[in-house]
Amino acid sequence: MRPSRCGLSSISADPEGIEACFRRDAGRCVAVLARALGDIDRAEDAIGDAYVTALERWPREGFPRHPAAWILTTARRRAIDALRRDRRGSEKQVLAARLDTAMRDAAEVADDEMSEIPDERLELIFACCHPSLQLEMRIALTLRTLGGLSTEEIAAAFLVPAATMAQRIVRSKRKIREAKIPFDVPPASRLSERIDDVCTVLYLIFNQGYVATAGAALARTDLCNEAVRLARVLNALMPAEPEVLGLLALMLLTHARRDARVDESGALVTLEEQDRSRWDRSMIDEALAVLERAARHRRQGPFQVAGAIASMHCIARTAADTDWRTIAALYDCLFEMTPSAVVALNRAVAVGFATEPRDGLAALDATVGEGLLDDYYPYHVARAELSLRAGDRATARSSFARALHLTRNEAERAFLGKRLADAGGPSPG
């Protein structure tokens, strides 16, 4: 297939439009090519080169009717050229043949709906989550390859320096290539061994979209939608796995509140102050039904408990109706399953609402290790809010200031600046 067969529209292709195509299609294109090559780096290089070519050509020639097919065709040619330069003999012939076979279906849909292009992201997720890789390496690589997150964004999610995360990602790709880890979905007999990591990966993708690490917008809805879509695919693959159901319910319950999280100016609105009539009730109803299905299996897991916590917020008619005692008890259960500092932080906040703010602060000090979350801005926000409600405005000011220093999301910075000023601190310039 030549790019001209894609059909060029009369709409001009500006860099912003090409960037939108990249966010939407790059992960899917990399998945198709990586499976054919058995090499994520080589696939990413070819797809990247194709988008560079798009930046050069589309503004002149017009936007392709089917951008992903154009990118895949161009990337395939780049990959074959690279094989001819770098490989010799039978190895080159085998890889080239695999490329031809894998890309044939994509080439044939140039004039059809783009949904017909092979979608192999789930196979890539399982490759990235292979047990021969360390857990953090599995999650980081999937976030980079499937979620399209930058190394800096992933490093922020893991609370490690960007250089450290970059090294981990490079090592992960090399391990997959050298160990010839297959790009496929494991058979049913082995799926349960890998499901916990896959669920964690999808949730981290969703969480990164829910509060973007940096930028003007509070959220990246594209990442949230992608995580929900992949969770639905995973649920279709494993309909009897309660933790997959719990994950899907948790995402839906959280995503249902998206429209109420910011006001008309884009400013952040806290859960307590949100207009609950703007919550997506159909999504909430679906999530509650999914949680019920999970409960029937009588195999409780962390995502099911987290989903139950989210459901307590969604079923409350008003913020004042929230059953914080039940939420605190659910966090006790979650902490027994996954005793992390972040779960302890959320539990302390719940305790502060269920009883008194000072009880929440005491729980924070008792369960979160000293210095463990110093670079985690939600920790400082929680301490600031609990301190403010307890009447300790000095601690609230210092904690708000620390949180403001740590976050790079502009919507959150604006919100924290206002909270700092409300606590009697200086208004940020």
Protein backbone atom coordinates (compact mmCIF):
# COMPACT_ATOMS: atom_id res chain seq x y z
CA MET A 1 0.00 0.00 0.00
CA ARG A 2 1.31 3.42 -0.96
CA PRO A 3 0.46 6.37 1.33
CA SER A 4 -1.49 7.95 -1.53
CA ARG A 5 -3.99 5.11 -1.34
CA CYS A 6 -5.04 6.34 2.11
CA GLY A 7 -6.79 9.26 0.44
CA LEU A 8 -5.74 12.79 1.39
CA SER A 9 -8.38 15.17 2.69
CA SER A 10 -8.46 18.88 2.01
CA ILE A 11 -8.08 19.59 5.74
CA SER A 12 -4.70 21.04 6.57
CA ALA A 13 -2.51 18.87 8.83
CA ASP A 14 -1.18 21.11 11.57
CA PRO A 15 1.33 19.85 14.18
CA GLU A 16 -1.38 19.82 16.86
CA GLY A 17 -3.53 17.52 14.75
CA ILE A 18 -0.61 15.18 14.13
CA GLU A 19 0.15 15.18 17.87
CA ALA A 20 -3.48 14.17 18.54
CA CYS A 21 -3.11 11.28 16.07
CA PHE A 22 0.07 10.24 17.83
CA ARG A 23 -1.62 10.16 21.24
CA ARG A 24 -4.54 8.19 19.84
CA ASP A 25 -2.81 5.71 17.54
CA ALA A 26 0.89 5.39 18.41
CA GLY A 27 0.46 2.72 21.10
CA ARG A 28 -1.65 0.57 18.83
CA CYS A 29 0.81 0.94 15.95
CA VAL A 30 3.78 0.08 18.17
CA ALA A 31 1.95 -3.02 19.40
CA VAL A 32 1.35 -4.31 15.87
CA LEU A 33 4.94 -3.71 14.79
CA ALA A 34 6.55 -4.92 18.04
CA ARG A 35 4.77 -8.24 17.82
CA ALA A 36 6.04 -8.72 14.27
CA LEU A 37 9.61 -7.77 15.16
CA GLY A 38 9.85 -9.11 18.70
CA ASP A 39 11.64 -5.85 19.49
CA ILE A 40 9.93 -2.87 21.15
CA ASP A 41 12.83 -0.48 20.55
CA ARG A 42 12.94 -1.19 16.83
CA ALA A 43 9.15 -0.83 16.60
CA GLU A 44 9.17 2.48 18.48
CA ASP A 45 11.98 3.80 16.28
CA ALA A 46 10.10 2.91 13.09
CA ILE A 47 6.83 4.42 14.34
CA GLY A 48 8.68 7.51 15.51
CA ASP A 49 10.32 7.93 12.11
CA ALA A 50 6.92 7.57 10.48
CA TYR A 51 5.49 10.39 12.59
CA VAL A 52 8.49 12.58 11.76
CA THR A 53 7.73 11.96 8.09
CA ALA A 54 4.10 12.84 8.78
CA LEU A 55 5.17 16.17 10.27
CA GLU A 56 7.07 16.89 7.07
CA ARG A 57 4.47 15.70 4.56
CA TRP A 58 0.98 16.10 5.98
CA PRO A 59 1.08 19.90 6.27
CA ARG A 60 1.93 20.03 2.54
CA GLU A 61 -0.16 17.16 1.18
CA GLY A 62 -3.14 17.15 3.51
CA PHE A 63 -4.31 14.91 6.34
CA PRO A 64 -4.66 11.18 5.47
CA ARG A 65 -8.17 9.81 5.66
CA HIS A 66 -6.80 6.92 7.76
CA PRO A 67 -3.74 8.26 9.64
CA ALA A 68 -2.92 5.04 11.52
CA ALA A 69 -2.82 2.99 8.32
CA TRP A 70 -0.52 5.59 6.76
CA ILE A 71 1.76 5.48 9.81
CA LEU A 72 1.85 1.67 9.87
CA THR A 73 2.69 1.44 6.19
CA THR A 74 5.45 4.04 6.48
CA ALA A 75 6.82 2.45 9.66
CA ARG A 76 6.87 -0.98 8.04
CA ARG A 77 9.04 0.39 5.23
CA ARG A 78 11.36 2.04 7.75
CA ALA A 79 11.66 -1.22 9.68
CA ILE A 80 12.44 -3.24 6.57
CA ASP A 81 15.07 -0.67 5.53
CA ALA A 82 16.63 -0.94 9.00
CA LEU A 83 16.65 -4.73 8.77
CA ARG A 84 18.45 -4.58 5.45
CA ARG A 85 21.11 -2.35 6.98
CA ASP A 86 21.52 -4.16 10.29
CA ARG A 87 20.73 -7.83 9.66
CA ARG A 88 22.15 -10.43 7.33
CA GLY A 89 21.18 -13.75 5.87
CA SER A 90 18.35 -15.90 7.15
CA GLU A 91 17.65 -13.77 10.23
CA LYS A 92 16.86 -10.78 8.04
CA GLN A 93 14.67 -12.88 5.78
CA VAL A 94 12.73 -14.34 8.69
CA LEU A 95 12.06 -10.94 10.26
CA ALA A 96 11.12 -9.39 6.92
CA ALA A 97 8.69 -12.24 6.28
CA ARG A 98 7.17 -11.77 9.72
CA LEU A 99 6.75 -8.07 8.98
CA ASP A 100 5.03 -8.77 5.68
CA THR A 101 2.65 -11.27 7.27
CA ALA A 102 1.84 -9.11 10.28
CA MET A 103 1.27 -5.94 8.28
CA ARG A 104 -0.72 -7.43 5.39
CA ASP A 105 -4.06 -7.06 7.15
CA ALA A 106 -3.27 -3.46 8.07
CA ALA A 107 -2.31 -2.69 4.48
CA GLU A 108 -5.58 -4.08 3.17
CA VAL A 109 -7.77 -1.78 5.27
CA ALA A 110 -6.54 1.51 3.88
CA ASP A 111 -9.96 2.33 2.52
CA ASP A 112 -11.93 0.61 5.30
CA GLU A 113 -12.76 1.57 8.86
CA MET A 114 -9.63 2.01 10.99
CA SER A 115 -11.09 -0.22 13.68
CA GLU A 116 -10.21 -3.15 11.40
CA ILE A 117 -6.47 -2.63 11.85
CA PRO A 118 -5.20 -5.41 14.12
CA ASP A 119 -5.32 -4.33 17.76
CA GLU A 120 -2.57 -6.13 19.63
CA ARG A 121 -2.12 -3.87 22.63
CA LEU A 122 -3.30 -6.54 25.05
CA GLU A 123 -0.63 -8.92 23.72
CA LEU A 124 1.96 -6.19 24.25
CA ILE A 125 0.73 -5.61 27.81
CA PHE A 126 1.25 -9.28 28.66
CA ALA A 127 4.71 -9.18 27.08
CA CYS A 128 5.59 -6.12 29.15
CA CYS A 129 4.19 -7.82 32.27
CA HIS A 130 6.11 -11.05 31.78
CA PRO A 131 7.20 -12.60 35.12
CA SER A 132 10.85 -12.64 34.06
CA LEU A 133 10.82 -8.85 34.43
CA GLN A 134 10.89 -7.17 37.83
CA LEU A 135 7.51 -5.79 38.90
CA GLU A 136 8.40 -2.10 38.63
CA MET A 137 10.03 -2.73 35.25
CA ARG A 138 6.84 -4.41 33.98
CA ILE A 139 4.65 -1.53 35.06
CA ALA A 140 7.01 1.19 33.85
CA LEU A 141 7.52 -0.37 30.43
CA THR A 142 3.79 -0.79 29.86
CA LEU A 143 3.10 2.79 30.90
CA ARG A 144 5.77 3.96 28.46
CA THR A 145 4.80 1.70 25.56
CA LEU A 146 1.02 1.42 25.85
CA GLY A 147 0.09 4.52 27.82
CA GLY A 148 2.35 6.90 25.94
CA LEU A 149 3.64 8.44 29.17
CA SER A 150 6.98 10.19 29.19
CA THR A 151 9.84 8.88 31.28
CA GLU A 152 9.43 11.90 33.57
CA GLU A 153 5.74 11.14 34.15
CA ILE A 154 6.46 7.51 34.99
CA ALA A 155 9.30 8.51 37.31
CA ALA A 156 6.93 10.85 39.14
CA ALA A 157 4.43 8.01 39.58
CA PHE A 158 7.16 5.84 41.13
CA LEU A 159 8.76 8.67 43.13
CA VAL A 160 12.20 8.02 41.56
CA PRO A 161 14.54 10.22 39.47
CA ALA A 162 13.85 10.31 35.73
CA ALA A 163 17.35 9.01 34.95
CA THR A 164 16.74 5.94 37.11
CA MET A 165 13.45 5.22 35.38
CA ALA A 166 15.01 5.65 31.93
CA GLN A 167 17.61 3.00 32.77
CA ARG A 168 14.90 0.60 33.96
CA ILE A 169 12.92 1.01 30.76
CA VAL A 170 16.00 0.41 28.59
CA ARG A 171 16.83 -2.74 30.57
CA SER A 172 13.25 -3.98 30.23
CA LYS A 173 13.23 -3.63 26.45
CA ARG A 174 16.59 -5.35 26.19
CA LYS A 175 15.37 -8.23 28.36
CA ILE A 176 12.29 -8.77 26.17
CA ARG A 177 14.41 -8.75 23.02
CA GLU A 178 17.23 -10.97 24.28
CA ALA A 179 14.97 -13.45 26.10
CA LYS A 180 12.61 -13.59 23.10
CA ILE A 181 9.63 -13.03 25.36
CA PRO A 182 6.52 -13.81 23.28
CA PHE A 183 4.05 -11.09 22.33
CA ASP A 184 0.89 -13.04 23.07
CA VAL A 185 -1.83 -13.57 25.65
CA PRO A 186 -0.98 -16.54 27.92
CA PRO A 187 -3.24 -19.60 27.82
CA ALA A 188 -6.10 -19.71 30.32
CA SER A 189 -4.13 -22.00 32.62
CA ARG A 190 -1.50 -19.29 33.21
CA LEU A 191 -3.58 -16.13 33.04
CA SER A 192 -4.20 -15.87 36.77
CA GLU A 193 -0.43 -15.77 37.43
CA ARG A 194 -0.11 -12.56 35.44
CA ILE A 195 -3.38 -10.80 36.13
CA ASP A 196 -2.37 -8.84 39.25
CA ASP A 197 0.44 -7.04 37.45
CA VAL A 198 -1.71 -6.30 34.42
CA CYS A 199 -4.44 -4.84 36.62
CA THR A 200 -1.89 -2.66 38.41
CA VAL A 201 -0.51 -1.43 35.10
CA LEU A 202 -3.94 -0.46 33.80
CA TYR A 203 -4.82 1.30 37.04
CA LEU A 204 -1.61 3.31 36.97
CA ILE A 205 -2.36 4.37 33.40
CA PHE A 206 -5.83 5.45 34.54
CA ASN A 207 -4.45 7.24 37.59
CA GLN A 208 -1.92 9.16 35.51
CA GLY A 209 -4.76 10.29 33.27
CA TYR A 210 -7.00 11.18 36.21
CA VAL A 211 -4.47 13.70 37.53
CA ALA A 212 -1.92 14.54 34.85
CA THR A 213 1.60 14.92 36.20
CA ALA A 214 2.10 18.21 34.37
CA GLY A 215 0.36 20.60 32.02
CA ALA A 216 -2.54 23.02 32.06
CA ALA A 217 -5.37 20.46 32.24
CA LEU A 218 -6.15 18.63 35.46
CA ALA A 219 -6.75 15.34 33.64
CA ARG A 220 -5.79 13.51 30.46
CA THR A 221 -9.13 12.00 29.50
CA ASP A 222 -7.52 10.08 26.64
CA LEU A 223 -5.46 8.03 29.10
CA CYS A 224 -8.48 7.40 31.33
CA ASN A 225 -10.55 6.27 28.36
CA GLU A 226 -7.72 4.02 27.16
CA ALA A 227 -7.34 2.41 30.58
CA VAL A 228 -11.09 1.80 30.82
CA ARG A 229 -11.13 0.34 27.29
CA LEU A 230 -8.28 -2.04 28.08
CA ALA A 231 -9.96 -3.02 31.35
CA ARG A 232 -13.09 -3.90 29.37
CA VAL A 233 -10.99 -5.99 26.98
CA LEU A 234 -9.36 -7.74 29.91
CA ASN A 235 -12.77 -8.37 31.46
CA ALA A 236 -14.01 -9.88 28.20
CA LEU A 237 -10.94 -12.14 28.23
CA MET A 238 -11.40 -13.11 31.89
CA PRO A 239 -15.09 -12.65 32.73
CA ALA A 240 -14.87 -14.78 35.88
CA GLU A 241 -11.88 -12.97 37.42
CA PRO A 242 -13.22 -10.84 40.32
CA GLU A 243 -10.18 -8.55 40.54
CA VAL A 244 -10.59 -7.57 36.88
CA LEU A 245 -14.22 -6.76 37.67
CA GLY A 246 -13.10 -4.78 40.71
CA LEU A 247 -10.60 -2.84 38.61
CA LEU A 248 -13.21 -2.01 35.98
CA ALA A 249 -15.71 -0.90 38.64
CA LEU A 250 -13.09 1.28 40.37
CA MET A 251 -12.21 3.01 37.10
CA LEU A 252 -15.85 3.57 36.15
CA LEU A 253 -16.80 4.95 39.57
CA THR A 254 -13.87 7.37 39.47
CA HIS A 255 -14.29 8.34 35.81
CA ALA A 256 -18.00 9.01 36.35
CA ARG A 257 -17.06 12.14 38.31
CA ARG A 258 -14.84 13.61 35.59
CA ASP A 259 -17.18 16.41 34.42
CA ALA A 260 -17.66 17.75 37.95
CA ARG A 261 -13.97 17.88 38.86
CA VAL A 262 -13.38 21.27 37.25
CA ASP A 263 -15.57 24.35 36.87
CA GLU A 264 -16.23 26.32 33.68
CA SER A 265 -12.87 28.07 33.97
CA GLY A 266 -10.98 24.78 34.38
CA ALA A 267 -10.37 25.28 38.10
CA LEU A 268 -10.24 22.20 40.31
CA VAL A 269 -13.36 21.40 42.37
CA THR A 270 -12.92 19.17 45.42
CA LEU A 271 -15.04 16.04 45.87
CA GLU A 272 -16.84 17.69 48.78
CA GLU A 273 -17.86 20.68 46.64
CA GLN A 274 -18.68 18.91 43.36
CA ASP A 275 -22.08 19.24 41.74
CA ARG A 276 -23.18 15.61 41.96
CA SER A 277 -25.86 16.11 39.33
CA ARG A 278 -22.98 16.27 36.83
CA TRP A 279 -21.77 12.78 37.74
CA ASP A 280 -22.42 10.15 35.09
CA ARG A 281 -25.14 8.09 36.78
CA SER A 282 -25.29 5.47 34.04
CA MET A 283 -21.58 4.80 34.51
CA ILE A 284 -22.06 4.60 38.28
CA ASP A 285 -24.95 2.16 37.90
CA GLU A 286 -22.84 0.00 35.58
CA ALA A 287 -19.96 0.02 38.06
CA LEU A 288 -22.19 -0.96 41.00
CA ALA A 289 -23.52 -3.89 38.97
CA VAL A 290 -19.95 -4.92 38.11
CA LEU A 291 -19.02 -4.84 41.83
CA GLU A 292 -21.99 -7.08 42.62
CA ARG A 293 -20.80 -9.57 40.00
CA ALA A 294 -17.33 -9.53 41.56
CA ALA A 295 -18.73 -10.13 45.05
CA ARG A 296 -20.51 -13.29 43.90
CA HIS A 297 -17.13 -14.98 43.40
CA ARG A 298 -16.34 -14.60 47.14
CA ARG A 299 -12.64 -13.95 46.43
CA GLN A 300 -12.02 -10.47 47.73
CA GLY A 301 -8.98 -8.55 46.49
CA PRO A 302 -7.52 -5.03 46.68
CA PHE A 303 -9.22 -3.67 43.56
CA GLN A 304 -12.60 -4.88 44.76
CA VAL A 305 -12.08 -3.16 48.13
CA ALA A 306 -10.90 0.04 46.43
CA GLY A 307 -13.98 -0.14 44.21
CA ALA A 308 -16.18 -0.50 47.30
CA ILE A 309 -14.57 2.63 48.77
CA ALA A 310 -15.26 4.57 45.59
CA SER A 311 -18.85 3.31 45.60
CA MET A 312 -19.41 4.79 49.08
CA HIS A 313 -18.70 8.25 47.67
CA CYS A 314 -20.89 7.70 44.62
CA ILE A 315 -23.97 6.46 46.49
CA ALA A 316 -23.94 9.39 48.95
CA ARG A 317 -26.53 11.95 47.85
CA THR A 318 -24.48 14.78 49.36
CA ALA A 319 -20.98 15.11 50.80
CA ALA A 320 -22.50 15.26 54.28
CA ASP A 321 -24.17 11.88 53.70
CA THR A 322 -20.84 10.12 53.08
CA ASP A 323 -20.37 7.11 55.37
CA TRP A 324 -16.81 7.84 56.43
CA ARG A 325 -16.78 5.18 59.17
CA THR A 326 -17.44 2.45 56.60
CA ILE A 327 -14.81 3.98 54.31
CA ALA A 328 -12.26 3.97 57.15
CA ALA A 329 -13.10 0.32 57.87
CA LEU A 330 -12.66 -0.55 54.20
CA TYR A 331 -9.26 1.16 54.25
CA ASP A 332 -8.35 -1.02 57.25
CA CYS A 333 -9.15 -4.04 55.10
CA LEU A 334 -7.22 -2.64 52.14
CA PHE A 335 -4.19 -1.90 54.33
CA GLU A 336 -4.12 -5.52 55.49
CA MET A 337 -4.01 -6.62 51.85
CA THR A 338 -1.57 -3.97 50.59
CA PRO A 339 0.22 -2.28 53.52
CA SER A 340 1.60 0.71 51.62
CA ALA A 341 2.26 4.26 52.76
CA VAL A 342 -0.25 5.62 50.23
CA VAL A 343 -3.04 3.38 51.55
CA ALA A 344 -2.12 4.47 55.09
CA LEU A 345 -2.36 8.09 53.97
CA ASN A 346 -5.84 7.61 52.51
CA ARG A 347 -6.94 5.71 55.61
CA ALA A 348 -5.78 8.58 57.82
CA VAL A 349 -7.84 11.05 55.80
CA ALA A 350 -10.90 8.82 56.19
CA VAL A 351 -10.31 8.60 59.94
CA GLY A 352 -10.09 12.39 60.09
CA PHE A 353 -13.55 12.65 58.54
CA ALA A 354 -15.05 9.73 60.45
CA THR A 355 -14.04 11.12 63.87
CA GLU A 356 -11.90 14.22 64.44
CA PRO A 357 -9.19 15.88 62.30
CA ARG A 358 -6.63 15.34 65.05
CA ASP A 359 -7.40 11.61 64.98
CA GLY A 360 -6.58 11.68 61.28
CA LEU A 361 -3.29 13.46 61.94
CA ALA A 362 -2.44 10.93 64.65
CA ALA A 363 -3.20 8.09 62.23
CA LEU A 364 -1.02 9.79 59.64
CA ASP A 365 1.91 10.01 62.03
CA ALA A 366 1.40 6.47 63.31
CA THR A 367 1.15 4.65 59.98
CA VAL A 368 3.17 6.66 57.45
CA GLY A 369 6.90 6.28 57.99
CA GLU A 370 8.82 9.49 58.62
CA GLY A 371 10.13 10.96 55.39
CA LEU A 372 8.65 8.16 53.27
CA LEU A 373 6.23 10.45 51.40
CA ASP A 374 8.17 13.72 51.59
CA ASP A 375 8.15 14.04 47.79
CA TYR A 376 4.53 12.89 47.38
CA TYR A 377 2.45 16.05 47.20
CA PRO A 378 -0.94 14.44 48.12
CA TYR A 379 0.63 13.63 51.50
CA HIS A 380 1.28 17.31 52.16
CA VAL A 381 -2.19 18.26 50.89
CA ALA A 382 -3.75 15.75 53.30
CA ARG A 383 -1.68 17.03 56.21
CA ALA A 384 -2.54 20.62 55.31
CA GLU A 385 -6.30 19.98 55.12
CA LEU A 386 -6.37 17.97 58.35
CA SER A 387 -4.28 20.61 60.12
CA LEU A 388 -6.52 23.42 58.87
CA ARG A 389 -9.63 21.64 60.13
CA ALA A 390 -7.86 21.04 63.46
CA GLY A 391 -7.11 24.76 63.78
CA ASP A 392 -3.34 24.51 63.16
CA ARG A 393 -3.01 27.14 60.45
CA ALA A 394 0.80 27.32 60.66
CA THR A 395 1.22 23.63 59.79
CA ALA A 396 -1.45 23.96 57.13
CA ARG A 397 0.45 26.83 55.48
CA SER A 398 3.78 25.00 55.45
CA SER A 399 2.17 21.83 54.12
CA PHE A 400 0.25 23.66 51.38
CA ALA A 401 3.48 25.43 50.40
CA ARG A 402 5.36 22.12 50.19
CA ALA A 403 2.60 20.56 48.06
CA LEU A 404 2.58 23.60 45.80
CA HIS A 405 6.33 23.25 45.30
CA LEU A 406 6.03 19.57 44.34
CA THR A 407 3.18 19.54 41.81
CA ARG A 408 3.64 20.56 38.17
CA ASN A 409 -0.02 20.33 37.17
CA GLU A 410 -1.21 23.89 36.61
CA ALA A 411 -4.80 23.27 37.70
CA GLU A 412 -3.59 21.80 40.97
CA ARG A 413 -1.07 24.59 41.44
CA ALA A 414 -3.83 27.17 41.09
CA PHE A 415 -6.00 25.29 43.60
CA LEU A 416 -3.17 24.87 46.12
CA GLY A 417 -2.18 28.52 45.76
CA LYS A 418 -5.72 29.52 46.68
CA ARG A 419 -5.77 27.11 49.64
CA LEU A 420 -2.45 28.51 50.84
CA ALA A 421 -3.83 32.05 50.66
CA ASP A 422 -7.01 30.94 52.49
CA ALA A 423 -4.81 29.55 55.27
CA GLY A 424 -3.16 32.95 55.64
CA GLY A 425 -0.10 32.28 53.54
CA PRO A 426 1.30 34.41 50.72
CA SER A 427 -0.56 34.31 47.44
CA PRO A 428 1.70 32.83 44.72
CA GLY A 429 2.91 35.37 42.19
